[in-house]
């Protein structure tokens, strides 16, 4: 690394940075904050877009996000204590528009897009329910459930060829 810039440089008026992802080509930085997602142009150091998420039940703020750079989408979610306020949202990275959102039954702890962009996999954990759900990435329809975890599913990794899923 010739030059290192800490995340504090990328703070903005959306409050502190809760998470960050850099694109594979190192041209885009996505940061998420309690109530917004910011899309940064790294070469210029400027905000290229911002998505404010104070609507649709984001009462507790954004817990985390997963980024699909190939298809220019961001999945973000909250883990509100009230089941009716748990929301999964798919956002278009170019426009900031919501592609799809849906209420979810459990607290999402982690998520990842598969390499093809066809699926979004979420890990959940609340009470005694610890699940992995597979969603169609376009419609956010549940297409599969993996059961059997003894604890919350806090991390998800998918192999580059999409053949392996680790939780």
Foldseek 3Di string as FASTA:
>chain_A
DVDDDDCVLLDDPLDDFPDWDADPVRQWIWTFHQFKIFIAGVVVSDTPDMAGHPDQQSPRGWNDWEAQVVQQKIWIWDQDPDQQRTKIWIARNNPNDTQDMDRDRFGWQEWYAALVNQWIWTWGFDDQFTKIWIAGNRHRHTDDIDDDDRGTDNYWDADNVRPDIDD
